[in-house]
C-alpha atoms as a PDB file:
ATOM      1  CA  GLY A   1       1.213 -17.140  -4.971  1.00  0.00           C
ATOM      2  CA  VAL A   2      -0.880 -15.021  -2.647  1.00  0.00           C
ATOM      3  CA  PRO A   3      -4.579 -14.668  -3.539  1.00  0.00           C
ATOM      4  CA  ASP A   4      -5.461 -11.283  -5.046  1.00  0.00           C
ATOM      5  CA  ARG A   5      -8.018 -10.610  -2.315  1.00  0.00           C
ATOM      6  CA  VAL A   6      -5.363 -10.981   0.381  1.00  0.00           C
ATOM      7  CA  ASN A   7      -3.000  -8.682  -1.515  1.00  0.00           C
ATOM      8  CA  ASP A   8      -5.788  -6.119  -1.866  1.00  0.00           C
ATOM      9  CA  GLU A   9      -6.597  -6.245   1.848  1.00  0.00           C
ATOM     10  CA  VAL A  10      -2.939  -5.842   2.802  1.00  0.00           C
ATOM     11  CA  PHE A  11      -2.544  -3.026   0.283  1.00  0.00           C
ATOM     12  CA  ILE A  12      -5.610  -1.193   1.633  1.00  0.00           C
ATOM     13  CA  ALA A  13      -4.453  -1.664   5.220  1.00  0.00           C
ATOM     14  CA  MET A  14      -1.011  -0.302   4.340  1.00  0.00           C
ATOM     15  CA  SER A  15      -2.616   2.600   2.483  1.00  0.00           C
ATOM     16  CA  LYS A  16      -4.648   3.542   5.549  1.00  0.00           C
ATOM     17  CA  ALA A  17      -1.685   3.131   7.894  1.00  0.00           C
ATOM     18  CA  LEU A  18       0.626   5.198   5.705  1.00  0.00           C
ATOM     19  CA  ASN A  19      -2.059   7.844   5.207  1.00  0.00           C
ATOM     20  CA  PHE A  20      -2.448   8.091   8.982  1.00  0.00           C
ATOM     21  CA  ILE A  21       1.297   8.229   9.639  1.00  0.00           C
ATOM     22  CA  ASN A  22       2.256  10.444   6.696  1.00  0.00           C
ATOM     23  CA  PRO A  23      -0.403  12.890   5.458  1.00  0.00           C
ATOM     24  CA  ASP A  24       1.789  13.838   2.503  1.00  0.00           C
ATOM     25  CA  GLU A  25      -0.193  12.261  -0.308  1.00  0.00           C
ATOM     26  CA  LEU A  26       2.563  12.369  -2.904  1.00  0.00           C
ATOM     27  CA  SER A  27       5.041  10.565  -0.649  1.00  0.00           C
ATOM     28  CA  MET A  28       2.372   8.023   0.285  1.00  0.00           C
ATOM     29  CA  GLN A  29       1.636   7.303  -3.377  1.00  0.00           C
ATOM     30  CA  CYS A  30       5.317   6.713  -4.119  1.00  0.00           C
ATOM     31  CA  ILE A  31       5.589   4.312  -1.179  1.00  0.00           C
ATOM     32  CA  LEU A  32       2.428   2.460  -2.196  1.00  0.00           C
ATOM     33  CA  ILE A  33       3.597   2.101  -5.792  1.00  0.00           C
ATOM     34  CA  ALA A  34       6.859   0.603  -4.539  1.00  0.00           C
ATOM     35  CA  LEU A  35       4.996  -1.742  -2.182  1.00  0.00           C
ATOM     36  CA  ASN A  36       2.574  -2.758  -4.924  1.00  0.00           C
ATOM     37  CA  ARG A  37       5.453  -3.650  -7.268  1.00  0.00           C
ATOM     38  CA  PHE A  38       7.137  -5.564  -4.452  1.00  0.00           C
ATOM     39  CA  LEU A  39       3.981  -7.584  -3.727  1.00  0.00           C
ATOM     40  CA  GLN A  40       3.572  -8.445  -7.394  1.00  0.00           C
END
């Protein structure tokens, strides 16, 4: 599997990118939850 640290870094990078692209926090959280489940 992928090391947790790498997953965390990717997750944080995606969080920042999505936050920059889409300021709607609720939508961002839904996307991140989906991405997090996908990565796991």
